[in-house]
Amino acid sequence: MNGKKCLGCGVELQDENMLLEGYTVNIENDLCQRCFRLKNYGEYQATTRTNEDYVEILDTIGKTKDLVVFVTDILNIEQDLFDIRKYLPNKILLVLNKRDVMPRSVKDEKIINYIKEKYDFFVDIVIVSSEKNTNIDELLRKIKYYQVTKNVYVAGYTNAGKSSIINKLIKNYSDSEQELTISPLPSTTLNMINIEINEHLTIIDTPGLIDEGSITNYVEENMLKSIIPKKEIKPKTYQIKEGQALLVGDLLRIDYVKGERNSFTLYISNDIKVKRINGYKHNDLKNLSKRTYQIPFNQDLVIRGLGFVKMVYRGEIDIYLNQRVDTFLRDNLI
């Protein structure tokens, strides 16, 4: 091995075995073949990496005193935050990405206060959009304020937009022409990558933790492109009475089993079609795995990787979807 790393994913380059990670036809290239083909042709090649590999990296980061910027998708907040402290005793700056897909009527302060009430270990919280370049200046200001040394690690789950945020920092504040490989598919970054923004700041990108409970792991690539919102979500609201059901594409069925007339508002990609049906007469998607929830007042049903459903009143629901996809209840975010 020559020690040179791919500028896209961080893996060490090699020109000896095309079946192994880091292969390139010319060792002088800046990208491995996997990143080159992903960047130029949109071709994705799966890897054999697991979360155990990535947890080892987080343990290494945890032994430093450096600032960690933890990036999460604004549609998946809270579930992502449960286990951070176990791996990272460092100062943690929480970054909520993809502000551009959340309705503009939702105030940033409301979301920030919601998180602060539940978690007290973040030194600060900032909401950004790497796509629209929103609040990237504020992010850099907070990084400078909280950094301990020049090294600042960026961590988070796959598809949260870590590499996209770093690319914005490079473009906005650095003379470097380096660009990290980005993709909606898991395990794009494979190793730590050092990016020197200036003499006072080196950003270190880390591999994304694989969210094994996300629906994005269990759909075809063309459906994945529909699931991930590309622009501001237009919430879909339905007045639902007992016995009615909602079909969310071919992915999810929600049956309102018991309760007074209720309001269900879906915060999901605009490309996913939703249909209200008579739950007694139609069996669509009932072949999927079933789980039942008793709903208290003012709860969200979160479907990992898809979005969430805001419910107002108490009731009982049955949901049908892939058994490997995680769902959970939380207090209304909005």
C-alpha atoms as a PDB file:
ATOM      1  CA  MET A   1       0.000   0.000   0.000  1.00  0.00           C
ATOM      2  CA  ASN A   2       1.230   3.511  -0.814  1.00  0.00           C
ATOM      3  CA  GLY A   3      -0.640   5.360   1.947  1.00  0.00           C
ATOM      4  CA  LYS A   4      -2.522   7.625  -0.463  1.00  0.00           C
ATOM      5  CA  LYS A   5      -6.253   7.873   0.290  1.00  0.00           C
ATOM      6  CA  CYS A   6      -9.250   8.389  -1.960  1.00  0.00           C
ATOM      7  CA  LEU A   7     -10.418  11.999  -1.701  1.00  0.00           C
ATOM      8  CA  GLY A   8     -14.023  10.873  -2.078  1.00  0.00           C
ATOM      9  CA  CYS A   9     -14.457   8.149   0.557  1.00  0.00           C
ATOM     10  CA  GLY A  10     -11.179   8.110   2.519  1.00  0.00           C
ATOM     11  CA  VAL A  11     -10.199   4.492   1.826  1.00  0.00           C
ATOM     12  CA  GLU A  12      -6.551   3.745   1.006  1.00  0.00           C
ATOM     13  CA  LEU A  13      -5.961   3.497  -2.735  1.00  0.00           C
ATOM     14  CA  GLN A  14      -4.557   0.347  -4.319  1.00  0.00           C
ATOM     15  CA  ASP A  15      -4.150  -0.884  -7.913  1.00  0.00           C
ATOM     16  CA  GLU A  16      -3.626  -4.598  -7.261  1.00  0.00           C
ATOM     17  CA  ASN A  17      -7.087  -6.121  -6.754  1.00  0.00           C
ATOM     18  CA  MET A  18     -10.183  -4.670  -8.405  1.00  0.00           C
ATOM     19  CA  LEU A  19     -12.419  -6.686  -6.060  1.00  0.00           C
ATOM     20  CA  LEU A  20     -11.130  -4.926  -2.951  1.00  0.00           C
ATOM     21  CA  GLU A  21     -11.950  -1.464  -1.605  1.00  0.00           C
ATOM     22  CA  GLY A  22      -9.761   1.372  -2.832  1.00  0.00           C
ATOM     23  CA  TYR A  23      -9.059  -0.091  -6.275  1.00  0.00           C
ATOM     24  CA  THR A  24      -8.014   2.345  -8.995  1.00  0.00           C
ATOM     25  CA  VAL A  25      -6.516   1.679 -12.397  1.00  0.00           C
ATOM     26  CA  ASN A  26      -3.845   4.320 -11.739  1.00  0.00           C
ATOM     27  CA  ILE A  27      -2.433   4.875  -8.279  1.00  0.00           C
ATOM     28  CA  GLU A  28      -1.918   8.549  -9.174  1.00  0.00           C
ATOM     29  CA  ASN A  29      -5.695   9.062  -9.372  1.00  0.00           C
ATOM     30  CA  ASP A  30      -7.420  11.011  -6.601  1.00  0.00           C
ATOM     31  CA  LEU A  31     -10.520   8.778  -6.527  1.00  0.00           C
ATOM     32  CA  CYS A  32     -10.993   5.056  -6.184  1.00  0.00           C
ATOM     33  CA  GLN A  33     -12.930   3.396  -8.989  1.00  0.00           C
ATOM     34  CA  ARG A  34     -16.024   3.075  -6.789  1.00  0.00           C
ATOM     35  CA  CYS A  35     -16.159   6.839  -6.096  1.00  0.00           C
ATOM     36  CA  PHE A  36     -15.285   7.706  -9.695  1.00  0.00           C
ATOM     37  CA  ARG A  37     -18.153   5.643 -11.070  1.00  0.00           C
ATOM     38  CA  LEU A  38     -20.559   6.854  -8.396  1.00  0.00           C
ATOM     39  CA  LYS A  39     -19.679  10.492  -9.017  1.00  0.00           C
ATOM     40  CA  ASN A  40     -19.651  10.376 -12.808  1.00  0.00           C
ATOM     41  CA  TYR A  41     -22.180   7.663 -13.663  1.00  0.00           C
ATOM     42  CA  GLY A  42     -24.314   7.291 -10.552  1.00  0.00           C
ATOM     43  CA  GLU A  43     -23.276   3.632 -10.230  1.00  0.00           C
ATOM     44  CA  TYR A  44     -23.340   2.380  -6.660  1.00  0.00           C
ATOM     45  CA  GLN A  45     -21.254  -0.543  -5.418  1.00  0.00           C
ATOM     46  CA  ALA A  46     -22.146  -1.993  -2.016  1.00  0.00           C
ATOM     47  CA  THR A  47     -19.452  -2.531   0.607  1.00  0.00           C
ATOM     48  CA  THR A  48     -18.976  -5.106   3.346  1.00  0.00           C
ATOM     49  CA  ARG A  49     -18.560  -2.519   6.095  1.00  0.00           C
ATOM     50  CA  THR A  50     -20.696  -2.859   9.230  1.00  0.00           C
ATOM     51  CA  ASN A  51     -21.544  -0.610  12.157  1.00  0.00           C
ATOM     52  CA  GLU A  52     -18.909  -2.426  14.213  1.00  0.00           C
ATOM     53  CA  ASP A  53     -16.252  -0.905  11.943  1.00  0.00           C
ATOM     54  CA  TYR A  54     -17.741   2.565  12.409  1.00  0.00           C
ATOM     55  CA  VAL A  55     -18.221   2.240  16.161  1.00  0.00           C
ATOM     56  CA  GLU A  56     -14.489   1.580  16.471  1.00  0.00           C
ATOM     57  CA  ILE A  57     -13.911   4.917  14.742  1.00  0.00           C
ATOM     58  CA  LEU A  58     -16.327   6.671  17.123  1.00  0.00           C
ATOM     59  CA  ASP A  59     -14.493   5.126  20.084  1.00  0.00           C
ATOM     60  CA  THR A  60     -11.260   6.576  18.715  1.00  0.00           C
ATOM     61  CA  ILE A  61     -12.857  10.023  18.409  1.00  0.00           C
ATOM     62  CA  GLY A  62     -14.228   9.674  21.931  1.00  0.00           C
ATOM     63  CA  LYS A  63     -10.677   9.378  23.282  1.00  0.00           C
ATOM     64  CA  THR A  64      -9.877  12.855  21.989  1.00  0.00           C
ATOM     65  CA  LYS A  65     -11.166  16.092  23.487  1.00  0.00           C
ATOM     66  CA  ASP A  66     -11.994  17.541  20.092  1.00  0.00           C
ATOM     67  CA  LEU A  67     -15.322  19.041  19.108  1.00  0.00           C
ATOM     68  CA  VAL A  68     -17.725  16.692  17.330  1.00  0.00           C
ATOM     69  CA  VAL A  69     -20.273  18.061  14.869  1.00  0.00           C
ATOM     70  CA  PHE A  70     -23.096  15.513  14.836  1.00  0.00           C
ATOM     71  CA  VAL A  71     -25.307  15.779  11.757  1.00  0.00           C
ATOM     72  CA  THR A  72     -28.832  14.396  11.607  1.00  0.00           C
ATOM     73  CA  ASP A  73     -31.703  14.592   9.128  1.00  0.00           C
ATOM     74  CA  ILE A  74     -34.325  17.023  10.424  1.00  0.00           C
ATOM     75  CA  LEU A  75     -37.058  14.493   9.570  1.00  0.00           C
ATOM     76  CA  ASN A  76     -35.410  11.815  11.728  1.00  0.00           C
ATOM     77  CA  ILE A  77     -34.411  13.774  14.784  1.00  0.00           C
ATOM     78  CA  GLU A  78     -34.573  12.291  18.244  1.00  0.00           C
ATOM     79  CA  GLN A  79     -34.170   8.606  17.379  1.00  0.00           C
ATOM     80  CA  ASP A  80     -30.715   9.448  16.018  1.00  0.00           C
ATOM     81  CA  LEU A  81     -29.765  11.026  19.337  1.00  0.00           C
ATOM     82  CA  PHE A  82     -30.363   8.146  21.741  1.00  0.00           C
ATOM     83  CA  ASP A  83     -26.929   6.515  21.762  1.00  0.00           C
ATOM     84  CA  ILE A  84     -24.553   9.369  20.942  1.00  0.00           C
ATOM     85  CA  ARG A  85     -23.327   9.891  24.486  1.00  0.00           C
ATOM     86  CA  LYS A  86     -22.355   6.218  24.784  1.00  0.00           C
ATOM     87  CA  TYR A  87     -19.713   6.680  22.097  1.00  0.00           C
ATOM     88  CA  LEU A  88     -18.876  10.369  22.237  1.00  0.00           C
ATOM     89  CA  PRO A  89     -18.100  12.042  25.593  1.00  0.00           C
ATOM     90  CA  ASN A  90     -16.727  15.026  23.618  1.00  0.00           C
ATOM     91  CA  LYS A  91     -18.321  18.420  23.203  1.00  0.00           C
ATOM     92  CA  ILE A  92     -21.070  17.864  20.620  1.00  0.00           C
ATOM     93  CA  LEU A  93     -22.529  20.514  18.334  1.00  0.00           C
ATOM     94  CA  LEU A  94     -25.813  19.207  16.916  1.00  0.00           C
ATOM     95  CA  VAL A  95     -26.568  20.081  13.296  1.00  0.00           C
ATOM     96  CA  LEU A  96     -30.053  19.480  11.897  1.00  0.00           C
ATOM     97  CA  ASN A  97     -29.685  19.270   8.133  1.00  0.00           C
ATOM     98  CA  LYS A  98     -32.196  19.502   5.252  1.00  0.00           C
ATOM     99  CA  ARG A  99     -34.025  22.580   6.525  1.00  0.00           C
ATOM    100  CA  ASP A 100     -35.165  23.151   2.949  1.00  0.00           C
ATOM    101  CA  VAL A 101     -37.514  20.133   3.030  1.00  0.00           C
ATOM    102  CA  MET A 102     -39.275  21.142   6.251  1.00  0.00           C
ATOM    103  CA  PRO A 103     -42.251  23.505   5.689  1.00  0.00           C
ATOM    104  CA  ARG A 104     -41.234  27.135   6.083  1.00  0.00           C
ATOM    105  CA  SER A 105     -44.152  27.675   8.457  1.00  0.00           C
ATOM    106  CA  VAL A 106     -42.269  25.598  11.052  1.00  0.00           C
ATOM    107  CA  LYS A 107     -40.080  27.870  13.149  1.00  0.00           C
ATOM    108  CA  ASP A 108     -36.467  26.890  13.851  1.00  0.00           C
ATOM    109  CA  GLU A 109     -36.800  28.036  17.458  1.00  0.00           C
ATOM    110  CA  LYS A 110     -39.619  25.565  18.089  1.00  0.00           C
ATOM    111  CA  ILE A 111     -37.517  22.628  16.882  1.00  0.00           C
ATOM    112  CA  ILE A 112     -34.441  23.740  18.812  1.00  0.00           C
ATOM    113  CA  ASN A 113     -36.429  24.196  22.033  1.00  0.00           C
ATOM    114  CA  TYR A 114     -38.037  20.780  21.521  1.00  0.00           C
ATOM    115  CA  ILE A 115     -34.614  19.116  21.485  1.00  0.00           C
ATOM    116  CA  LYS A 116     -33.194  21.183  24.342  1.00  0.00           C
ATOM    117  CA  GLU A 117     -36.068  20.071  26.575  1.00  0.00           C
ATOM    118  CA  LYS A 118     -35.151  16.406  26.005  1.00  0.00           C
ATOM    119  CA  TYR A 119     -31.338  16.459  25.745  1.00  0.00           C
ATOM    120  CA  ASP A 120     -28.905  18.512  27.785  1.00  0.00           C
ATOM    121  CA  PHE A 121     -25.550  17.319  26.459  1.00  0.00           C
ATOM    122  CA  PHE A 122     -25.287  19.397  23.276  1.00  0.00           C
ATOM    123  CA  VAL A 123     -23.179  22.520  23.568  1.00  0.00           C
ATOM    124  CA  ASP A 124     -25.354  24.119  20.886  1.00  0.00           C
ATOM    125  CA  ILE A 125     -27.790  23.377  18.055  1.00  0.00           C
ATOM    126  CA  VAL A 126     -27.913  24.816  14.548  1.00  0.00           C
ATOM    127  CA  ILE A 127     -30.365  24.122  11.722  1.00  0.00           C
ATOM    128  CA  VAL A 128     -28.932  24.215   8.195  1.00  0.00           C
ATOM    129  CA  SER A 129     -29.580  23.286   4.606  1.00  0.00           C
ATOM    130  CA  SER A 130     -26.541  22.145   2.670  1.00  0.00           C
ATOM    131  CA  GLU A 131     -28.690  22.122  -0.483  1.00  0.00           C
ATOM    132  CA  LYS A 132     -29.682  25.805  -0.152  1.00  0.00           C
ATOM    133  CA  ASN A 133     -26.528  26.960   1.683  1.00  0.00           C
ATOM    134  CA  THR A 134     -28.716  28.062   4.595  1.00  0.00           C
ATOM    135  CA  ASN A 135     -27.033  28.918   7.927  1.00  0.00           C
ATOM    136  CA  ILE A 136     -23.650  27.531   6.829  1.00  0.00           C
ATOM    137  CA  ASP A 137     -22.062  30.808   7.998  1.00  0.00           C
ATOM    138  CA  GLU A 138     -23.691  30.308  11.401  1.00  0.00           C
ATOM    139  CA  LEU A 139     -22.438  26.728  11.505  1.00  0.00           C
ATOM    140  CA  LEU A 140     -18.855  27.842  10.864  1.00  0.00           C
ATOM    141  CA  ARG A 141     -19.166  30.550  13.530  1.00  0.00           C
ATOM    142  CA  LYS A 142     -20.307  27.983  16.110  1.00  0.00           C
ATOM    143  CA  ILE A 143     -17.564  25.555  15.101  1.00  0.00           C
ATOM    144  CA  LYS A 144     -14.949  28.266  15.654  1.00  0.00           C
ATOM    145  CA  TYR A 145     -16.478  29.177  19.011  1.00  0.00           C
ATOM    146  CA  TYR A 146     -16.607  25.640  20.412  1.00  0.00           C
ATOM    147  CA  GLN A 147     -13.574  23.945  18.821  1.00  0.00           C
ATOM    148  CA  VAL A 148     -10.913  22.728  21.262  1.00  0.00           C
ATOM    149  CA  THR A 149      -8.083  22.152  18.791  1.00  0.00           C
ATOM    150  CA  LYS A 150      -7.911  22.717  15.058  1.00  0.00           C
ATOM    151  CA  ASN A 151      -9.361  19.232  14.525  1.00  0.00           C
ATOM    152  CA  VAL A 152     -13.168  19.008  14.358  1.00  0.00           C
ATOM    153  CA  TYR A 153     -14.860  15.661  13.653  1.00  0.00           C
ATOM    154  CA  VAL A 154     -18.105  15.361  11.703  1.00  0.00           C
ATOM    155  CA  ALA A 155     -20.228  12.302  12.563  1.00  0.00           C
ATOM    156  CA  GLY A 156     -23.767  11.058  11.987  1.00  0.00           C
ATOM    157  CA  TYR A 157     -25.913   8.423  10.338  1.00  0.00           C
ATOM    158  CA  THR A 158     -25.858   7.647   6.621  1.00  0.00           C
ATOM    159  CA  ASN A 159     -27.921   9.920   4.416  1.00  0.00           C
ATOM    160  CA  ALA A 160     -27.966  12.740   6.977  1.00  0.00           C
ATOM    161  CA  GLY A 161     -25.906  14.908   4.619  1.00  0.00           C
ATOM    162  CA  LYS A 162     -22.538  15.034   6.389  1.00  0.00           C
ATOM    163  CA  SER A 163     -20.487  15.063   3.204  1.00  0.00           C
ATOM    164  CA  SER A 164     -22.766  17.644   1.569  1.00  0.00           C
ATOM    165  CA  ILE A 165     -22.269  20.007   4.512  1.00  0.00           C
ATOM    166  CA  ILE A 166     -18.511  19.512   4.417  1.00  0.00           C
ATOM    167  CA  ASN A 167     -18.463  20.173   0.669  1.00  0.00           C
ATOM    168  CA  LYS A 168     -20.244  23.480   1.357  1.00  0.00           C
ATOM    169  CA  LEU A 169     -17.655  24.398   3.986  1.00  0.00           C
ATOM    170  CA  ILE A 170     -14.868  23.583   1.515  1.00  0.00           C
ATOM    171  CA  LYS A 171     -16.483  25.602  -1.267  1.00  0.00           C
ATOM    172  CA  ASN A 172     -17.381  28.603   0.887  1.00  0.00           C
ATOM    173  CA  TYR A 173     -14.318  28.974   3.090  1.00  0.00           C
ATOM    174  CA  SER A 174     -11.396  27.071   1.562  1.00  0.00           C
ATOM    175  CA  ASP A 175      -9.204  27.261  -1.508  1.00  0.00           C
ATOM    176  CA  SER A 176      -9.183  23.470  -1.756  1.00  0.00           C
ATOM    177  CA  GLU A 177     -10.710  21.799  -4.813  1.00  0.00           C
ATOM    178  CA  GLN A 178     -11.353  18.588  -2.862  1.00  0.00           C
ATOM    179  CA  GLU A 179     -14.915  17.268  -3.023  1.00  0.00           C
ATOM    180  CA  LEU A 180     -16.309  14.375  -1.012  1.00  0.00           C
ATOM    181  CA  THR A 181     -18.394  11.754  -2.777  1.00  0.00           C
ATOM    182  CA  ILE A 182     -22.088  12.114  -1.959  1.00  0.00           C
ATOM    183  CA  SER A 183     -24.930   9.677  -2.540  1.00  0.00           C
ATOM    184  CA  PRO A 184     -28.333   8.838  -0.998  1.00  0.00           C
ATOM    185  CA  LEU A 185     -27.104   5.258  -0.631  1.00  0.00           C
ATOM    186  CA  PRO A 186     -25.402   3.967   2.545  1.00  0.00           C
ATOM    187  CA  SER A 187     -21.666   3.708   3.254  1.00  0.00           C
ATOM    188  CA  THR A 188     -20.397   6.289   0.776  1.00  0.00           C
ATOM    189  CA  THR A 189     -17.641   7.497   3.115  1.00  0.00           C
ATOM    190  CA  LEU A 190     -15.553   4.474   4.198  1.00  0.00           C
ATOM    191  CA  ASN A 191     -12.822   5.976   6.353  1.00  0.00           C
ATOM    192  CA  MET A 192     -11.870   9.209   8.067  1.00  0.00           C
ATOM    193  CA  ILE A 193     -10.969  12.021   5.663  1.00  0.00           C
ATOM    194  CA  ASN A 194      -9.020  15.129   6.720  1.00  0.00           C
ATOM    195  CA  ILE A 195      -9.965  18.384   4.995  1.00  0.00           C
ATOM    196  CA  GLU A 196      -7.966  21.481   5.875  1.00  0.00           C
ATOM    197  CA  ILE A 197     -10.313  24.464   5.653  1.00  0.00           C
ATOM    198  CA  ASN A 198      -7.612  26.887   6.830  1.00  0.00           C
ATOM    199  CA  GLU A 199      -4.621  26.900   9.151  1.00  0.00           C
ATOM    200  CA  HIS A 200      -6.929  27.027  12.174  1.00  0.00           C
ATOM    201  CA  LEU A 201      -9.501  24.410  11.168  1.00  0.00           C
ATOM    202  CA  THR A 202      -9.265  20.837   9.879  1.00  0.00           C
ATOM    203  CA  ILE A 203     -12.567  19.074   9.322  1.00  0.00           C
ATOM    204  CA  ILE A 204     -12.422  15.286   9.700  1.00  0.00           C
ATOM    205  CA  ASP A 205     -15.239  13.450   7.946  1.00  0.00           C
ATOM    206  CA  THR A 206     -16.175  10.049   9.365  1.00  0.00           C
ATOM    207  CA  PRO A 207     -18.141   7.122   7.901  1.00  0.00           C
ATOM    208  CA  GLY A 208     -21.879   7.325   8.500  1.00  0.00           C
ATOM    209  CA  LEU A 209     -23.378   4.916  10.972  1.00  0.00           C
ATOM    210  CA  ILE A 210     -25.712   2.586   9.106  1.00  0.00           C
ATOM    211  CA  ASP A 211     -29.278   3.100  10.266  1.00  0.00           C
ATOM    212  CA  GLU A 212     -30.386  -0.509  10.089  1.00  0.00           C
ATOM    213  CA  GLY A 213     -33.981   0.422  10.933  1.00  0.00           C
ATOM    214  CA  SER A 214     -34.377   2.885   8.063  1.00  0.00           C
ATOM    215  CA  ILE A 215     -36.788   2.096   5.257  1.00  0.00           C
ATOM    216  CA  THR A 216     -34.147   3.349   2.816  1.00  0.00           C
ATOM    217  CA  ASN A 217     -32.258   0.077   3.309  1.00  0.00           C
ATOM    218  CA  TYR A 218     -35.146  -2.041   2.067  1.00  0.00           C
ATOM    219  CA  VAL A 219     -36.354  -0.401  -1.144  1.00  0.00           C
ATOM    220  CA  GLU A 220     -35.107  -0.385  -4.726  1.00  0.00           C
ATOM    221  CA  GLU A 221     -32.953   2.528  -5.864  1.00  0.00           C
ATOM    222  CA  ASN A 222     -35.735   4.114  -7.963  1.00  0.00           C
ATOM    223  CA  MET A 223     -38.068   4.089  -4.928  1.00  0.00           C
ATOM    224  CA  LEU A 224     -35.269   5.491  -2.775  1.00  0.00           C
ATOM    225  CA  LYS A 225     -35.190   8.574  -4.989  1.00  0.00           C
ATOM    226  CA  SER A 226     -38.913   9.073  -4.372  1.00  0.00           C
ATOM    227  CA  ILE A 227     -38.675   8.570  -0.604  1.00  0.00           C
ATOM    228  CA  ILE A 228     -35.963  11.180  -0.041  1.00  0.00           C
ATOM    229  CA  PRO A 229     -37.561  14.666  -0.275  1.00  0.00           C
ATOM    230  CA  LYS A 230     -35.988  16.953  -2.843  1.00  0.00           C
ATOM    231  CA  LYS A 231     -37.928  20.128  -2.009  1.00  0.00           C
ATOM    232  CA  GLU A 232     -40.139  21.634   0.668  1.00  0.00           C
ATOM    233  CA  ILE A 233     -42.659  19.114   1.950  1.00  0.00           C
ATOM    234  CA  LYS A 234     -46.317  19.924   1.474  1.00  0.00           C
ATOM    235  CA  PRO A 235     -48.001  18.279   4.478  1.00  0.00           C
ATOM    236  CA  LYS A 236     -50.938  16.014   3.637  1.00  0.00           C
ATOM    237  CA  THR A 237     -53.774  16.184   6.210  1.00  0.00           C
ATOM    238  CA  TYR A 238     -56.629  13.678   6.459  1.00  0.00           C
ATOM    239  CA  GLN A 239     -59.604  13.614   8.813  1.00  0.00           C
ATOM    240  CA  ILE A 240     -59.821   9.958   9.769  1.00  0.00           C
ATOM    241  CA  LYS A 241     -62.616   8.109  11.530  1.00  0.00           C
ATOM    242  CA  GLU A 242     -62.653   4.645  13.048  1.00  0.00           C
ATOM    243  CA  GLY A 243     -62.422   1.939  10.380  1.00  0.00           C
ATOM    244  CA  GLN A 244     -60.620   4.055   7.793  1.00  0.00           C
ATOM    245  CA  ALA A 245     -57.021   3.527   6.673  1.00  0.00           C
ATOM    246  CA  LEU A 246     -54.249   5.328   4.817  1.00  0.00           C
ATOM    247  CA  LEU A 247     -52.096   3.716   2.141  1.00  0.00           C
ATOM    248  CA  VAL A 248     -48.717   5.408   1.883  1.00  0.00           C
ATOM    249  CA  GLY A 249     -47.469   4.361  -1.531  1.00  0.00           C
ATOM    250  CA  ASP A 250     -46.704   0.644  -1.538  1.00  0.00           C
ATOM    251  CA  LEU A 251     -44.707   1.059   1.667  1.00  0.00           C
ATOM    252  CA  LEU A 252     -47.041   1.536   4.598  1.00  0.00           C
ATOM    253  CA  ARG A 253     -50.635   1.087   5.695  1.00  0.00           C
ATOM    254  CA  ILE A 254     -52.114   2.831   8.766  1.00  0.00           C
ATOM    255  CA  ASP A 255     -55.466   1.566  10.074  1.00  0.00           C
ATOM    256  CA  TYR A 256     -57.421   3.701  12.548  1.00  0.00           C
ATOM    257  CA  VAL A 257     -58.765   0.912  14.712  1.00  0.00           C
ATOM    258  CA  LYS A 258     -60.352   2.790  17.601  1.00  0.00           C
ATOM    259  CA  GLY A 259     -60.933   6.385  18.654  1.00  0.00           C
ATOM    260  CA  GLU A 260     -62.846   9.567  17.980  1.00  0.00           C
ATOM    261  CA  ARG A 261     -62.477  11.353  14.658  1.00  0.00           C
ATOM    262  CA  ASN A 262     -58.824  12.261  14.340  1.00  0.00           C
ATOM    263  CA  SER A 263     -56.478  14.379  12.247  1.00  0.00           C
ATOM    264  CA  PHE A 264     -53.492  12.700  10.563  1.00  0.00           C
ATOM    265  CA  THR A 265     -50.911  14.970   8.925  1.00  0.00           C
ATOM    266  CA  LEU A 266     -48.123  13.293   6.937  1.00  0.00           C
ATOM    267  CA  TYR A 267     -44.696  14.892   6.610  1.00  0.00           C
ATOM    268  CA  ILE A 268     -43.185  12.793   3.841  1.00  0.00           C
ATOM    269  CA  SER A 269     -41.791  13.290   0.337  1.00  0.00           C
ATOM    270  CA  ASN A 270     -44.205  14.944  -2.085  1.00  0.00           C
ATOM    271  CA  ASP A 271     -43.479  12.097  -4.511  1.00  0.00           C
ATOM    272  CA  ILE A 272     -45.152   9.494  -2.274  1.00  0.00           C
ATOM    273  CA  LYS A 273     -48.840   9.066  -3.037  1.00  0.00           C
ATOM    274  CA  VAL A 274     -51.270   8.720  -0.120  1.00  0.00           C
ATOM    275  CA  LYS A 275     -54.752   7.231  -0.410  1.00  0.00           C
ATOM    276  CA  ARG A 276     -57.556   7.060   2.168  1.00  0.00           C
ATOM    277  CA  ILE A 277     -59.558   3.828   2.022  1.00  0.00           C
ATOM    278  CA  ASN A 278     -62.257   1.901   3.870  1.00  0.00           C
ATOM    279  CA  GLY A 279     -60.167  -0.323   6.111  1.00  0.00           C
ATOM    280  CA  TYR A 280     -62.890  -2.931   6.441  1.00  0.00           C
ATOM    281  CA  LYS A 281     -63.310  -3.476   2.701  1.00  0.00           C
ATOM    282  CA  HIS A 282     -59.719  -3.344   1.415  1.00  0.00           C
ATOM    283  CA  ASN A 283     -56.793  -5.612   2.295  1.00  0.00           C
ATOM    284  CA  ASP A 284     -54.039  -3.722   0.458  1.00  0.00           C
ATOM    285  CA  LEU A 285     -50.595  -4.151   2.134  1.00  0.00           C
ATOM    286  CA  LYS A 286     -51.986  -6.344   4.913  1.00  0.00           C
ATOM    287  CA  ASN A 287     -49.430  -8.943   3.872  1.00  0.00           C
ATOM    288  CA  LEU A 288     -46.787  -6.749   5.521  1.00  0.00           C
ATOM    289  CA  SER A 289     -45.775  -7.085   9.162  1.00  0.00           C
ATOM    290  CA  LYS A 290     -48.313  -5.646  11.613  1.00  0.00           C
ATOM    291  CA  ARG A 291     -47.731  -3.676  14.790  1.00  0.00           C
ATOM    292  CA  THR A 292     -50.238  -1.887  17.041  1.00  0.00           C
ATOM    293  CA  TYR A 293     -49.920   1.422  18.893  1.00  0.00           C
ATOM    294  CA  GLN A 294     -52.069   2.988  21.594  1.00  0.00           C
ATOM    295  CA  ILE A 295     -51.852   6.680  20.762  1.00  0.00           C
ATOM    296  CA  PRO A 296     -51.896   9.305  23.558  1.00  0.00           C
ATOM    297  CA  PHE A 297     -52.847  12.891  22.741  1.00  0.00           C
ATOM    298  CA  ASN A 298     -50.560  14.935  20.447  1.00  0.00           C
ATOM    299  CA  GLN A 299     -48.197  12.254  19.189  1.00  0.00           C
ATOM    300  CA  ASP A 300     -46.088  11.719  16.068  1.00  0.00           C
ATOM    301  CA  LEU A 301     -45.626   8.303  14.525  1.00  0.00           C
ATOM    302  CA  VAL A 302     -42.100   8.298  13.092  1.00  0.00           C
ATOM    303  CA  ILE A 303     -41.230   5.869  10.291  1.00  0.00           C
ATOM    304  CA  ARG A 304     -37.458   5.692  10.036  1.00  0.00           C
ATOM    305  CA  GLY A 305     -36.200   7.108   6.776  1.00  0.00           C
ATOM    306  CA  LEU A 306     -39.670   8.026   5.496  1.00  0.00           C
ATOM    307  CA  GLY A 307     -40.882  10.851   7.728  1.00  0.00           C
ATOM    308  CA  PHE A 308     -43.608  11.151  10.344  1.00  0.00           C
ATOM    309  CA  VAL A 309     -47.355  11.337  10.873  1.00  0.00           C
ATOM    310  CA  LYS A 310     -48.718  13.947  13.276  1.00  0.00           C
ATOM    311  CA  MET A 311     -51.796  12.791  15.199  1.00  0.00           C
ATOM    312  CA  VAL A 312     -53.910  14.949  17.515  1.00  0.00           C
ATOM    313  CA  TYR A 313     -56.276  12.778  19.539  1.00  0.00           C
ATOM    314  CA  ARG A 314     -56.040   9.574  21.489  1.00  0.00           C
ATOM    315  CA  GLY A 315     -56.738   6.315  19.651  1.00  0.00           C
ATOM    316  CA  GLU A 316     -55.468   2.955  18.484  1.00  0.00           C
ATOM    317  CA  ILE A 317     -53.769   2.251  15.173  1.00  0.00           C
ATOM    318  CA  ASP A 318     -52.452  -0.790  13.358  1.00  0.00           C
ATOM    319  CA  ILE A 319     -49.606  -0.224  10.950  1.00  0.00           C
ATOM    320  CA  TYR A 320     -48.348  -2.604   8.264  1.00  0.00           C
ATOM    321  CA  LEU A 321     -44.848  -2.311   6.795  1.00  0.00           C
ATOM    322  CA  ASN A 322     -41.545  -4.124   6.414  1.00  0.00           C
ATOM    323  CA  GLN A 323     -40.779  -5.747   9.779  1.00  0.00           C
ATOM    324  CA  ARG A 324     -37.169  -4.489   9.705  1.00  0.00           C
ATOM    325  CA  VAL A 325     -38.188  -0.827   9.574  1.00  0.00           C
ATOM    326  CA  ASP A 326     -38.229   0.954  12.925  1.00  0.00           C
ATOM    327  CA  THR A 327     -41.186   3.034  14.073  1.00  0.00           C
ATOM    328  CA  PHE A 328     -41.731   4.912  17.315  1.00  0.00           C
ATOM    329  CA  LEU A 329     -43.948   7.494  18.981  1.00  0.00           C
ATOM    330  CA  ARG A 330     -42.846  10.901  20.237  1.00  0.00           C
ATOM    331  CA  ASP A 331     -44.507  14.131  21.357  1.00  0.00           C
ATOM    332  CA  ASN A 332     -45.623  16.317  18.443  1.00  0.00           C
ATOM    333  CA  LEU A 333     -42.595  18.048  16.946  1.00  0.00           C
ATOM    334  CA  ILE A 334     -44.779  20.579  15.135  1.00  0.00           C
END
